[in-house]
Protein backbone atom coordinates (compact mmCIF):
# COMPACT_ATOMS: atom_id res chain seq x y z
CA UNK A 1 32.12 -50.95 14.56
CA UNK A 2 35.02 -48.56 14.74
CA UNK A 3 35.73 -45.78 12.19
CA UNK A 4 38.83 -47.64 10.87
CA UNK A 5 36.72 -50.68 10.12
CA UNK A 6 34.23 -48.57 8.18
CA UNK A 7 37.07 -47.00 6.22
CA UNK A 8 38.28 -50.45 5.13
CA UNK A 9 34.78 -51.28 3.90
CA UNK A 10 34.58 -48.04 1.92
CA UNK A 11 37.94 -48.36 0.22
CA UNK A 12 38.82 -52.04 -0.08
CA UNK A 13 35.87 -53.35 -2.04
CA UNK A 14 35.23 -52.83 -5.72
CA UNK A 15 31.62 -52.10 -4.86
CA UNK A 16 30.75 -51.17 -1.28
CA UNK A 17 27.44 -52.57 -0.03
CA UNK A 18 27.40 -51.82 3.68
CA UNK A 19 24.35 -53.14 5.50
CA UNK A 20 23.05 -53.13 9.08
CA UNK A 21 26.08 -51.96 10.98
CA UNK A 22 26.42 -49.62 13.92
CA UNK A 23 29.33 -47.18 13.99
CA UNK A 24 30.20 -46.03 17.51
CA UNK A 25 33.01 -43.52 16.86
CA UNK A 26 33.43 -40.22 15.09
CA UNK A 27 34.31 -40.92 11.47
CA UNK A 28 36.62 -38.32 9.94
CA UNK A 29 38.08 -39.14 6.51
CA UNK A 30 40.33 -36.99 4.33
CA UNK A 31 41.63 -37.25 0.78
CA UNK A 32 39.70 -40.39 -0.10
CA UNK A 33 39.47 -41.25 -3.77
CA UNK A 34 36.69 -43.77 -4.22
CA UNK A 35 36.04 -44.92 -7.77
CA UNK A 36 33.24 -47.43 -7.12
CA UNK A 37 29.58 -47.23 -6.10
CA UNK A 38 28.80 -46.95 -2.41
CA UNK A 39 25.51 -48.17 -0.96
CA UNK A 40 24.99 -47.85 2.78
CA UNK A 41 21.68 -49.14 4.14
CA UNK A 42 20.21 -49.93 7.56
CA UNK A 43 23.20 -48.44 9.37
CA UNK A 44 23.35 -46.39 12.57
CA UNK A 45 26.00 -43.74 13.15
CA UNK A 46 26.29 -42.85 16.83
CA UNK A 47 28.73 -40.01 16.27
CA UNK A 48 29.42 -37.46 13.56
CA UNK A 49 30.69 -38.53 10.13
CA UNK A 50 32.99 -36.11 8.25
CA UNK A 51 34.43 -36.29 4.71
CA UNK A 52 37.05 -33.70 3.76
CA UNK A 53 38.67 -33.28 0.31
CA UNK A 54 37.25 -36.59 -0.84
CA UNK A 55 36.47 -37.64 -4.40
CA UNK A 56 33.57 -39.96 -5.27
CA UNK A 57 33.62 -41.05 -8.91
CA UNK A 58 30.44 -43.13 -8.73
CA UNK A 59 27.09 -42.87 -7.03
CA UNK A 60 26.84 -42.79 -3.25
CA UNK A 61 23.59 -43.74 -1.51
CA UNK A 62 22.43 -43.75 2.12
CA UNK A 63 19.18 -45.67 2.64
CA UNK A 64 17.26 -46.43 5.84
CA UNK A 65 20.12 -45.05 7.89
CA UNK A 66 20.17 -43.11 11.13
CA UNK A 67 22.68 -40.40 12.04
CA UNK A 68 22.40 -39.56 15.73
CA UNK A 69 24.87 -36.75 15.18
CA UNK A 70 25.54 -34.82 12.02
CA UNK A 71 27.12 -35.50 8.64
CA UNK A 72 29.54 -33.09 6.97
CA UNK A 73 31.16 -32.93 3.50
CA UNK A 74 33.99 -30.38 3.06
CA UNK A 75 35.38 -29.66 -0.41
CA UNK A 76 34.18 -33.01 -1.72
CA UNK A 77 33.47 -33.91 -5.33
CA UNK A 78 30.55 -36.13 -6.35
CA UNK A 79 30.91 -36.99 -10.02
CA UNK A 80 27.72 -38.99 -9.94
CA UNK A 81 24.54 -38.82 -7.87
CA UNK A 82 24.33 -38.33 -4.13
CA UNK A 83 21.19 -39.83 -2.54
CA UNK A 84 19.71 -39.83 0.95
CA UNK A 85 16.60 -42.01 1.11
CA UNK A 86 14.41 -42.91 4.08
CA UNK A 87 17.13 -41.65 6.38
CA UNK A 88 16.99 -39.85 9.73
CA UNK A 89 19.67 -37.21 10.50
CA UNK A 90 19.27 -35.77 13.98
CA UNK A 91 21.93 -33.04 13.81
CA UNK A 92 23.17 -30.64 11.13
CA UNK A 93 23.94 -31.81 7.58
CA UNK A 94 26.63 -29.69 5.89
CA UNK A 95 27.85 -29.48 2.29
CA UNK A 96 30.67 -26.93 2.13
CA UNK A 97 32.46 -26.04 -1.13
CA UNK A 98 31.30 -29.24 -2.79
CA UNK A 99 30.91 -30.17 -6.43
CA UNK A 100 27.78 -32.25 -6.86
CA UNK A 101 26.45 -33.72 -10.10
CA UNK A 102 22.93 -34.45 -8.84
CA UNK A 103 21.23 -34.60 -5.47
CA UNK A 104 18.14 -36.46 -4.33
CA UNK A 105 16.87 -36.30 -0.77
CA UNK A 106 13.83 -38.59 -0.65
CA UNK A 107 11.67 -39.46 2.37
CA UNK A 108 14.39 -38.21 4.67
CA UNK A 109 14.16 -36.39 7.98
CA UNK A 110 16.73 -33.68 8.64
CA UNK A 111 17.29 -31.33 11.50
CA UNK A 112 19.27 -28.60 9.72
CA UNK A 113 20.79 -28.70 6.23
CA UNK A 114 23.47 -26.22 5.15
CA UNK A 115 24.88 -25.75 1.65
CA UNK A 116 27.63 -23.17 1.47
CA UNK A 117 30.59 -22.26 -0.68
CA UNK A 118 30.90 -22.56 -4.42
CA UNK A 119 29.89 -25.23 -6.86
CA UNK A 120 33.05 -25.28 -8.89
CA UNK A 121 32.11 -27.63 -11.74
CA UNK A 122 29.68 -25.76 -13.95
CA UNK A 123 29.87 -28.40 -16.68
CA UNK A 124 27.43 -30.65 -14.79
CA UNK A 125 24.74 -28.01 -14.51
CA UNK A 126 21.88 -29.91 -16.11
CA UNK A 127 21.16 -32.36 -13.30
CA UNK A 128 18.49 -31.59 -10.75
CA UNK A 129 18.94 -30.70 -7.14
CA UNK A 130 15.84 -32.19 -5.48
CA UNK A 131 14.33 -32.36 -2.01
CA UNK A 132 11.39 -34.78 -2.19
CA UNK A 133 9.17 -36.13 0.57
CA UNK A 134 11.56 -34.59 3.09
CA UNK A 135 11.13 -33.09 6.54
CA UNK A 136 13.53 -30.44 7.83
CA UNK A 137 13.74 -27.97 10.66
CA UNK A 138 15.76 -25.62 8.48
CA UNK A 139 17.41 -25.50 5.05
CA UNK A 140 20.22 -22.95 4.65
CA UNK A 141 21.87 -21.99 1.37
CA UNK A 142 24.77 -19.61 2.12
CA UNK A 143 27.52 -18.18 -0.09
CA UNK A 144 26.57 -20.78 -2.66
CA UNK A 145 26.69 -20.83 -6.44
CA UNK A 146 24.28 -23.44 -7.74
CA UNK A 147 24.09 -24.28 -11.46
CA UNK A 148 21.33 -26.84 -11.11
CA UNK A 149 17.55 -26.69 -11.25
CA UNK A 150 16.55 -26.49 -7.59
CA UNK A 151 13.28 -28.18 -6.65
CA UNK A 152 11.48 -28.54 -3.32
CA UNK A 153 8.59 -31.00 -3.67
CA UNK A 154 6.60 -32.57 -0.84
CA UNK A 155 8.84 -30.79 1.65
CA UNK A 156 7.93 -29.79 5.17
CA UNK A 157 10.30 -27.45 6.98
CA UNK A 158 10.25 -24.67 9.54
CA UNK A 159 12.57 -22.23 7.86
CA UNK A 160 14.26 -21.80 4.48
CA UNK A 161 17.21 -19.37 4.41
CA UNK A 162 18.95 -18.37 1.18
CA UNK A 163 21.81 -15.93 1.84
CA UNK A 164 24.41 -14.53 -0.57
CA UNK A 165 23.73 -17.12 -3.25
CA UNK A 166 23.69 -17.19 -7.01
CA UNK A 167 21.17 -19.67 -8.37
CA UNK A 168 21.86 -20.18 -12.05
CA UNK A 169 19.02 -22.44 -13.11
CA UNK A 170 15.29 -22.61 -12.49
CA UNK A 171 13.91 -22.72 -8.96
CA UNK A 172 10.54 -24.29 -8.13
CA UNK A 173 8.59 -24.74 -4.91
CA UNK A 174 6.08 -27.56 -5.42
CA UNK A 175 5.03 -28.96 -8.79
CA UNK A 176 2.62 -27.21 -11.06
CA UNK A 177 -0.66 -29.08 -11.47
CA UNK A 178 0.69 -31.90 -9.37
CA UNK A 179 0.18 -33.43 -5.97
CA UNK A 180 3.48 -32.23 -4.63
CA UNK A 181 3.56 -29.46 -2.06
CA UNK A 182 5.99 -27.27 -0.17
CA UNK A 183 5.25 -26.40 3.44
CA UNK A 184 7.23 -24.00 5.62
CA UNK A 185 6.85 -21.48 8.41
CA UNK A 186 9.19 -18.84 6.96
CA UNK A 187 11.32 -18.17 3.88
CA UNK A 188 14.21 -15.67 4.17
CA UNK A 189 16.12 -14.67 1.03
CA UNK A 190 19.02 -12.23 1.45
CA UNK A 191 21.58 -10.77 -1.02
CA UNK A 192 20.84 -13.40 -3.65
CA UNK A 193 20.57 -13.48 -7.44
CA UNK A 194 18.18 -15.74 -9.32
CA UNK A 195 19.36 -16.07 -12.91
CA UNK A 196 16.34 -18.02 -14.17
CA UNK A 197 12.62 -18.23 -13.56
CA UNK A 198 11.35 -18.76 -10.00
CA UNK A 199 8.02 -20.59 -9.58
CA UNK A 200 5.97 -20.84 -6.42
CA UNK A 201 3.49 -23.54 -7.47
CA UNK A 202 1.87 -25.57 -4.70
CA UNK A 203 2.68 -24.78 -1.11
CA UNK A 204 1.77 -23.14 2.15
CA UNK A 205 3.89 -20.64 4.09
CA UNK A 206 2.37 -20.16 7.51
CA UNK A 207 4.07 -16.88 8.39
CA UNK A 208 6.24 -14.78 6.08
CA UNK A 209 8.31 -14.70 2.91
CA UNK A 210 11.08 -12.12 3.29
CA UNK A 211 13.31 -11.03 0.40
CA UNK A 212 16.05 -8.41 0.94
CA UNK A 213 18.58 -7.27 -1.65
CA UNK A 214 17.45 -9.89 -4.13
CA UNK A 215 17.83 -9.75 -7.91
CA UNK A 216 15.38 -11.66 -10.07
CA UNK A 217 16.70 -11.69 -13.63
CA UNK A 218 13.77 -13.67 -15.03
CA UNK A 219 10.07 -14.03 -14.31
CA UNK A 220 8.71 -14.71 -10.81
CA UNK A 221 5.31 -16.38 -10.45
CA UNK A 222 3.23 -16.93 -7.31
CA UNK A 223 0.50 -19.37 -8.34
CA UNK A 224 -2.90 -19.28 -6.70
CA UNK A 225 -2.20 -22.69 -5.14
CA UNK A 226 0.81 -21.29 -3.31
CA UNK A 227 -0.51 -19.87 -0.04
CA UNK A 228 1.30 -17.38 2.16
CA UNK A 229 0.33 -14.87 4.81
CA UNK A 230 2.86 -12.07 4.36
CA UNK A 231 5.31 -11.13 1.60
CA UNK A 232 7.98 -8.57 2.45
CA UNK A 233 10.10 -7.24 -0.42
CA UNK A 234 12.98 -4.88 0.48
CA UNK A 235 15.55 -3.59 -2.04
CA UNK A 236 14.35 -6.13 -4.59
CA UNK A 237 15.13 -5.76 -8.31
CA UNK A 238 13.04 -7.71 -10.81
CA UNK A 239 13.89 -7.29 -14.50
CA UNK A 240 10.85 -9.20 -15.76
CA UNK A 241 7.31 -9.67 -14.54
CA UNK A 242 6.63 -10.46 -10.89
CA UNK A 243 3.13 -11.97 -10.75
CA UNK A 244 1.08 -12.70 -7.64
CA UNK A 245 -2.30 -14.44 -7.91
CA UNK A 246 -4.21 -14.17 -4.70
CA UNK A 247 -5.44 -16.88 -2.41
CA UNK A 248 -7.30 -17.13 0.89
CA UNK A 249 -4.34 -16.89 3.32
CA UNK A 250 -2.89 -13.67 2.03
CA UNK A 251 -2.88 -10.72 4.46
CA UNK A 252 0.07 -8.38 3.93
CA UNK A 253 2.42 -7.22 1.16
CA UNK A 254 5.30 -4.88 2.07
CA UNK A 255 7.25 -3.16 -0.74
CA UNK A 256 10.28 -1.13 0.35
CA UNK A 257 12.97 0.41 -1.92
CA UNK A 258 12.15 -1.94 -4.80
CA UNK A 259 12.53 -1.72 -8.59
CA UNK A 260 10.28 -3.68 -10.94
CA UNK A 261 11.45 -2.99 -14.49
CA UNK A 262 8.54 -4.74 -16.19
CA UNK A 263 5.85 -4.90 -13.50
CA UNK A 264 4.79 -6.19 -10.13
CA UNK A 265 1.29 -7.49 -10.67
CA UNK A 266 -1.07 -8.29 -7.81
CA UNK A 267 -4.46 -9.51 -8.95
CA UNK A 268 -7.41 -11.83 -8.63
CA UNK A 269 -8.59 -11.70 -12.22
CA UNK A 270 -10.47 -15.00 -11.98
CA UNK A 271 -12.35 -13.74 -8.90
CA UNK A 272 -12.26 -17.13 -7.24
CA UNK A 273 -11.50 -15.95 -3.73
CA UNK A 274 -14.31 -15.15 -1.34
CA UNK A 275 -12.75 -12.32 0.63
CA UNK A 276 -13.83 -12.05 4.24
CA UNK A 277 -10.88 -10.05 5.52
CA UNK A 278 -8.88 -7.02 4.51
CA UNK A 279 -5.42 -7.43 3.02
CA UNK A 280 -2.81 -4.72 3.32
CA UNK A 281 -0.34 -3.52 0.66
CA UNK A 282 2.33 -1.08 1.84
CA UNK A 283 4.65 0.97 -0.39
CA UNK A 284 7.62 2.64 1.30
CA UNK A 285 11.13 3.93 0.65
CA UNK A 286 12.24 4.66 -2.91
CA UNK A 287 9.60 3.29 -5.28
CA UNK A 288 10.72 2.57 -8.86
CA UNK A 289 9.28 0.55 -11.72
CA UNK A 290 5.73 -0.47 -12.53
CA UNK A 291 3.05 -1.79 -10.18
CA UNK A 292 -0.41 -3.12 -11.05
CA UNK A 293 -2.99 -3.92 -8.36
CA UNK A 294 -6.39 -4.93 -9.69
CA UNK A 295 -9.57 -6.94 -9.21
CA UNK A 296 -9.11 -7.38 -5.48
CA UNK A 297 -11.71 -6.99 -2.75
CA UNK A 298 -11.15 -5.89 0.20
CA UNK A 299 -7.83 -4.08 0.40
CA UNK A 300 -6.00 -1.34 2.30
CA UNK A 301 -3.20 0.47 0.44
CA UNK A 302 -0.60 2.54 2.27
CA UNK A 303 1.96 4.85 0.62
CA UNK A 304 5.07 6.42 2.11
CA UNK A 305 8.48 7.39 0.76
CA UNK A 306 9.34 8.80 -2.67
CA UNK A 307 7.71 7.54 -5.86
CA UNK A 308 9.60 7.46 -9.16
CA UNK A 309 7.50 4.66 -10.62
CA UNK A 310 4.04 4.02 -12.02
CA UNK A 311 1.43 2.61 -9.65
CA UNK A 312 -1.97 1.53 -10.99
CA UNK A 313 -4.78 0.46 -8.66
CA UNK A 314 -8.00 -0.44 -10.41
CA UNK A 315 -11.25 -2.33 -9.89
CA UNK A 316 -10.78 -2.92 -6.17
CA UNK A 317 -12.85 -2.54 -3.03
CA UNK A 318 -10.90 -0.64 -0.46
CA UNK A 319 -10.99 -0.09 3.26
CA UNK A 320 -8.20 2.44 3.58
CA UNK A 321 -6.12 4.45 1.12
CA UNK A 322 -3.46 6.33 3.08
CA UNK A 323 -0.58 8.60 2.09
CA UNK A 324 1.83 9.36 4.93
CA UNK A 325 5.09 11.25 4.33
CA UNK A 326 4.74 10.39 0.66
CA UNK A 327 6.26 12.35 -2.23
CA UNK A 328 4.99 11.78 -5.76
CA UNK A 329 6.59 14.49 -7.89
CA UNK A 330 4.76 15.30 -11.09
CA UNK A 331 7.72 14.88 -13.41
CA UNK A 332 8.84 11.50 -12.10
CA UNK A 333 6.07 9.30 -10.71
CA UNK A 334 2.50 8.48 -11.59
CA UNK A 335 -0.22 7.05 -9.33
CA UNK A 336 -3.59 6.08 -10.79
CA UNK A 337 -6.68 4.94 -8.92
CA UNK A 338 -9.50 3.72 -11.17
CA UNK A 339 -12.91 2.32 -10.26
CA UNK A 340 -12.23 2.18 -6.52
CA UNK A 341 -15.17 1.35 -4.29
CA UNK A 342 -15.35 1.57 -0.49
CA UNK A 343 -16.13 -1.60 1.38
CA UNK A 344 -19.38 -1.93 3.25
CA UNK A 345 -17.92 -1.09 6.66
CA UNK A 346 -15.56 1.67 7.79
CA UNK A 347 -13.42 3.16 5.00
CA UNK A 348 -11.27 6.25 4.53
CA UNK A 349 -8.93 8.21 2.25
CA UNK A 350 -6.18 9.81 4.34
CA UNK A 351 -3.49 12.14 3.00
CA UNK A 352 -1.09 13.22 5.74
CA UNK A 353 2.17 15.18 5.40
CA UNK A 354 2.43 14.27 1.71
CA UNK A 355 2.82 15.69 -1.77
CA UNK A 356 0.83 13.33 -3.97
CA UNK A 357 1.74 15.19 -7.18
CA UNK A 358 -0.27 14.31 -10.29
CA UNK A 359 -2.06 11.40 -8.69
CA UNK A 360 -5.13 10.63 -10.80
CA UNK A 361 -8.50 9.46 -9.51
CA UNK A 362 -10.75 7.97 -12.18
CA UNK A 363 -14.39 6.86 -11.76
CA UNK A 364 -14.41 7.27 -7.96
CA UNK A 365 -17.00 8.97 -5.77
CA UNK A 366 -15.21 9.80 -2.53
CA UNK A 367 -18.46 11.13 -1.07
CA UNK A 368 -19.24 7.49 -0.29
CA UNK A 369 -16.20 7.21 2.00
CA UNK A 370 -16.70 7.48 5.73
CA UNK A 371 -13.67 9.73 6.15
CA UNK A 372 -11.75 12.03 3.84
CA UNK A 373 -8.67 13.39 5.63
CA UNK A 374 -6.20 15.91 4.20
CA UNK A 375 -3.66 17.57 6.47
CA UNK A 376 -0.25 19.20 5.94
CA UNK A 377 -0.27 18.00 2.31
CA UNK A 378 -0.02 19.26 -1.26
CA UNK A 379 -2.90 17.99 -3.39
CA UNK A 380 -2.96 20.91 -5.83
CA UNK A 381 -1.90 18.77 -8.80
CA UNK A 382 -4.38 15.91 -8.43
CA UNK A 383 -6.40 14.96 -11.49
CA UNK A 384 -10.06 13.97 -11.22
CA UNK A 385 -11.66 12.12 -14.11
CA UNK A 386 -15.34 11.35 -13.60
CA UNK A 387 -14.62 11.55 -9.88
CA UNK A 388 -15.78 13.70 -6.98
CA UNK A 389 -14.21 14.71 -3.71
CA UNK A 390 -16.53 15.49 -0.78
CA UNK A 391 -17.31 19.12 -0.01
CA UNK A 392 -16.28 18.69 3.62
CA UNK A 393 -12.93 17.21 4.69
CA UNK A 394 -11.22 16.34 7.98
CA UNK A 395 -7.73 17.02 9.30
CA UNK A 396 -7.72 13.91 11.48
CA UNK A 397 -9.42 10.56 11.57
CA UNK A 398 -12.25 10.12 14.04
CA UNK A 399 -11.32 6.46 14.33
CA UNK A 400 -8.93 6.27 17.35
CA UNK A 401 -7.29 3.08 16.07
CA UNK A 402 -5.98 4.69 12.87
CA UNK A 403 -3.70 7.31 14.33
CA UNK A 404 -3.64 9.49 11.22
CA UNK A 405 -3.88 13.27 11.25
CA UNK A 406 -2.57 16.06 13.43
CA UNK A 407 -1.36 14.93 16.82
CA UNK A 408 -2.11 17.10 19.83
CA UNK A 409 1.44 18.31 20.32
CA UNK A 410 1.64 19.35 16.64
CA UNK A 411 -1.45 21.53 16.69
CA UNK A 412 -0.77 25.22 16.08
CA UNK A 413 -4.29 26.06 15.01
CA UNK A 414 -6.80 23.62 13.58
CA UNK A 415 -8.24 26.43 11.45
CA UNK A 416 -4.89 26.87 9.72
CA UNK A 417 -4.73 23.20 8.73
CA UNK A 418 -8.31 23.26 7.47
CA UNK A 419 -7.69 26.46 5.51
CA UNK A 420 -4.57 25.13 3.82
CA UNK A 421 -6.20 21.80 2.89
CA UNK A 422 -9.16 23.56 1.30
CA UNK A 423 -6.78 25.94 -0.48
CA UNK A 424 -4.99 22.94 -2.03
CA UNK A 425 -8.28 21.47 -3.21
CA UNK A 426 -9.34 24.85 -4.60
CA UNK A 427 -6.15 25.10 -6.66
CA UNK A 428 -6.64 21.57 -7.97
CA UNK A 429 -10.19 22.35 -9.08
CA UNK A 430 -9.11 25.60 -10.72
CA UNK A 431 -6.46 23.76 -12.76
CA UNK A 432 -9.12 21.33 -13.99
CA UNK A 433 -11.54 24.19 -14.81
CA UNK A 434 -14.11 23.02 -12.26
CA UNK A 435 -15.40 26.45 -11.20
CA UNK A 436 -18.18 25.20 -8.96
CA UNK A 437 -16.01 22.96 -6.77
CA UNK A 438 -13.26 25.60 -6.81
CA UNK A 439 -15.77 28.04 -5.31
CA UNK A 440 -16.98 25.42 -2.81
CA UNK A 441 -13.45 24.88 -1.53
CA UNK A 442 -12.71 28.61 -1.66
CA UNK A 443 -15.75 29.18 0.52
CA UNK A 444 -14.42 26.66 3.05
CA UNK A 445 -10.96 28.23 2.83
CA UNK A 446 -12.34 31.70 3.59
CA UNK A 447 -14.52 30.32 6.38
CA UNK A 448 -11.50 28.96 8.26
CA UNK A 449 -9.40 32.00 7.36
CA UNK A 450 -12.07 34.17 8.97
CA UNK A 451 -11.96 32.01 12.09
CA UNK A 452 -8.19 32.55 12.28
CA UNK A 453 -8.46 36.38 12.30
CA UNK A 454 -9.04 38.65 15.23
CA UNK A 455 -11.93 41.06 14.98
CA UNK A 456 -11.21 43.86 12.51
CA UNK A 457 -12.14 45.11 9.07
CA UNK A 458 -10.79 42.02 7.27
CA UNK A 459 -12.77 39.67 9.49
CA UNK A 460 -15.88 41.86 9.03
CA UNK A 461 -15.48 41.80 5.26
CA UNK A 462 -15.09 38.02 5.21
CA UNK A 463 -18.13 37.69 7.45
CA UNK A 464 -20.22 39.83 5.08
CA UNK A 465 -19.06 37.70 2.11
CA UNK A 466 -20.07 34.61 4.03
CA UNK A 467 -23.51 35.98 4.89
CA UNK A 468 -24.22 37.53 1.50
CA UNK A 469 -23.52 34.55 -0.82
CA UNK A 470 -21.34 32.04 1.07
CA UNK A 471 -18.27 33.32 -0.78
CA UNK A 472 -19.76 33.03 -4.25
CA UNK A 473 -21.73 29.78 -4.23
CA UNK A 474 -25.22 30.71 -2.95
CA UNK A 475 -27.38 33.07 -5.03
CA UNK A 476 -30.26 32.43 -2.62
CA UNK A 477 -28.21 33.97 0.17
CA UNK A 478 -27.53 36.93 -2.14
CA UNK A 479 -31.22 37.52 -2.66
CA UNK A 480 -32.05 37.11 1.03
CA UNK A 481 -29.18 39.41 2.02
CA UNK A 482 -30.39 42.07 -0.43
CA UNK A 483 -34.01 41.82 0.73
CA UNK A 484 -33.10 41.87 4.43
CA UNK A 485 -30.85 44.92 3.97
CA UNK A 486 -33.61 46.69 1.99
CA UNK A 487 -36.25 45.81 4.59
CA UNK A 488 -34.20 47.14 7.49
CA UNK A 489 -33.47 50.33 5.55
CA UNK A 490 -37.20 50.58 4.75
CA UNK A 491 -38.01 50.30 8.46
CA UNK A 492 -35.36 52.92 9.29
CA UNK A 493 -36.69 55.37 6.67
CA UNK A 494 -40.29 54.72 7.74
CA UNK A 495 -39.39 56.21 11.10
CA UNK A 496 -38.29 59.39 9.27
CA UNK A 497 -41.56 59.90 7.37
CA UNK A 498 -43.87 62.80 8.17
CA UNK A 499 -46.68 60.23 8.30
CA UNK A 500 -45.16 56.72 8.91
CA UNK A 501 -46.80 53.68 7.37
CA UNK A 502 -46.59 51.90 10.71
CA UNK A 503 -45.25 52.33 14.20
CA UNK A 504 -42.75 49.84 15.59
CA UNK A 505 -42.62 49.22 19.33
CA UNK A 506 -41.03 46.60 21.53
CA UNK A 507 -44.53 45.36 22.38
CA UNK A 508 -45.18 44.05 18.86
CA UNK A 509 -45.20 40.23 18.72
CA UNK A 510 -44.29 37.93 15.82
CA UNK A 511 -47.89 37.71 14.54
CA UNK A 512 -48.25 41.50 14.46
CA UNK A 513 -44.87 41.79 12.72
CA UNK A 514 -46.07 39.51 9.91
CA UNK A 515 -49.28 41.55 9.71
CA UNK A 516 -47.31 44.81 9.39
CA UNK A 517 -45.12 43.29 6.67
CA UNK A 518 -48.20 42.08 4.78
CA UNK A 519 -49.94 45.49 4.90
CA UNK A 520 -46.81 47.33 3.78
CA UNK A 521 -45.42 44.94 1.18
CA UNK A 522 -46.60 47.22 -1.59
CA UNK A 523 -44.80 50.23 -0.14
CA UNK A 524 -41.69 48.09 0.32
CA UNK A 525 -41.71 46.88 -3.30
CA UNK A 526 -42.16 50.44 -4.57
CA UNK A 527 -39.30 51.54 -2.34
CA UNK A 528 -36.95 48.74 -3.55
CA UNK A 529 -37.88 49.22 -7.21
CA UNK A 530 -36.76 52.83 -7.01
CA UNK A 531 -33.14 51.65 -6.44
CA UNK A 532 -30.68 53.31 -6.60
CA UNK A 533 -32.71 56.41 -5.64
CA UNK A 534 -34.60 54.55 -2.85
CA UNK A 535 -37.45 57.05 -2.91
CA UNK A 536 -40.16 57.39 -0.26
CA UNK A 537 -42.66 60.28 -0.33
CA UNK A 538 -42.89 62.34 2.81
CA UNK A 539 -39.31 61.91 4.10
CA UNK A 540 -38.02 64.51 6.47
CA UNK A 541 -35.21 66.71 5.26
CA UNK A 542 -32.33 65.78 7.57
CA UNK A 543 -28.77 64.45 7.58
CA UNK A 544 -29.97 61.22 9.23
CA UNK A 545 -32.20 60.47 6.24
CA UNK A 546 -29.28 61.06 3.88
CA UNK A 547 -27.06 58.74 5.95
CA UNK A 548 -29.68 55.97 5.99
CA UNK A 549 -30.15 56.27 2.20
CA UNK A 550 -26.37 56.17 1.62
CA UNK A 551 -25.85 53.07 3.78
CA UNK A 552 -28.87 51.41 2.21
CA UNK A 553 -27.50 51.98 -1.29
CA UNK A 554 -24.14 50.48 -0.26
CA UNK A 555 -25.55 47.32 1.32
CA UNK A 556 -28.18 46.74 -1.36
CA UNK A 557 -25.50 47.23 -4.03
CA UNK A 558 -23.33 44.67 -2.26
CA UNK A 559 -26.24 42.25 -2.20
CA UNK A 560 -26.97 42.71 -5.93
CA UNK A 561 -23.27 42.19 -6.75
CA UNK A 562 -23.17 39.00 -4.67
CA UNK A 563 -26.25 37.70 -6.51
CA UNK A 564 -24.51 38.26 -9.85
CA UNK A 565 -21.31 36.58 -8.62
CA UNK A 566 -23.20 33.57 -7.34
CA UNK A 567 -25.20 33.24 -10.57
CA UNK A 568 -21.87 33.05 -12.48
CA UNK A 569 -20.51 30.16 -10.39
CA UNK A 570 -20.85 27.78 -13.35
CA UNK A 571 -19.01 30.16 -15.66
CA UNK A 572 -15.94 28.75 -17.38
CA UNK A 573 -13.90 31.72 -16.30
CA UNK A 574 -12.33 31.22 -12.91
């Protein structure tokens, strides 16, 4: 059949029932005004069929047809339903600038489907736009205003693309509590506004859901039965709740330059998923709004960018928590970690080139983490509530696969990075009134500061502080330092006695040394108890004796002072 013959069938009959014909030519029709029903079944179209500026007053149906090329509708109006049923379309299907009352694509195979332009007739907004039992390589919605509920049920496609659209009514992928599913490899949503609720009910996305410059003006729900591997949100604005219930396939969530006015909630509150792999959640760019991540094992959370929002992570098992080039200023953003537990294998907290501001850690023992890395970062405003940091930190991860920490070409002096990290922790502990941990981190700070210095009086002073009480935290060292200084001064003064208690030679072994100490312990105690005089009967009258007594008084006084300082390490006064 030729295209002219088909045109006569479409226009000449009061009701067009066209059955079992084969059209061999390209069919291009313009300005048709068809006021009756059209039913086309069992037909084969060898070439493309095009309708331009046509008006269909009644229903039009294609059933059990085959289009070996494409089908295109330009600026057409469908006052009633448009149906494709049990039909095979082997090239692109295009609806451009069309007004459509209702659409049903049922048990139909498409190659590519494109809807673009503007739906001009908003008065017919209550009819559904439905893909059902359909197979597509791709579905593209571009520059399209759609006033209808948009539903994809029992649909299998490779790629869904929604670009520069405004979707006025509800959107659903699969049916809730039903046997209808949505299957796709990828979903790409770009520069689009969803005016009503968006529901991801039953479905499976093999690869990724990508949303860029998307506005959600109502609630968004990812049901547990909707499976996806990766969700990437970039420059997304959600005015109401954005809820994600986890399922087995989930691996990666990327959040970049997003705003969630109410909240983005990621959770597994029902604890139905048996987690055997680690999922990753990444925050980057400008972070605004509210974020809740809770009741999820095993997870890695990565932060970068600038935070102006509120991020809550609670009741999760974590593999990695990393801050890289992250800025969380105290007067703008809040980050809370509560009841975080490391997973059974390798785990780490890494803070690199970041200012984490008033980040709060609640009910967490970081001593159970394999690695605790702080380098080139400001952690002086952190808040610990029933939480503990480890006494020893790192400036780089020992795990070569992580890549966090100071790179070789950045290294000026490892001691400098260690010193500054411990200084930050010291300041944080001082602000919280934790004197003991402030002294612990001060001790580490001074240790690495001493290693930075060349030999001189400052380095000697720091070394004495380290030996005498470990910079204020070890009273045992203070006592040992005092006793050792007193014993050496006792030995030195013994040599200046008219009748020495003992004679010390290089031939004396360890056993004989212990024996000498045992026989003279009484003399030593009497000598030490006479402090600050340090009296021994029978001393020679010489300047050397006076010098030994003076130096002994200085070092023993230092030791006694260090004992007192160390005993006051739990004092409330910093």
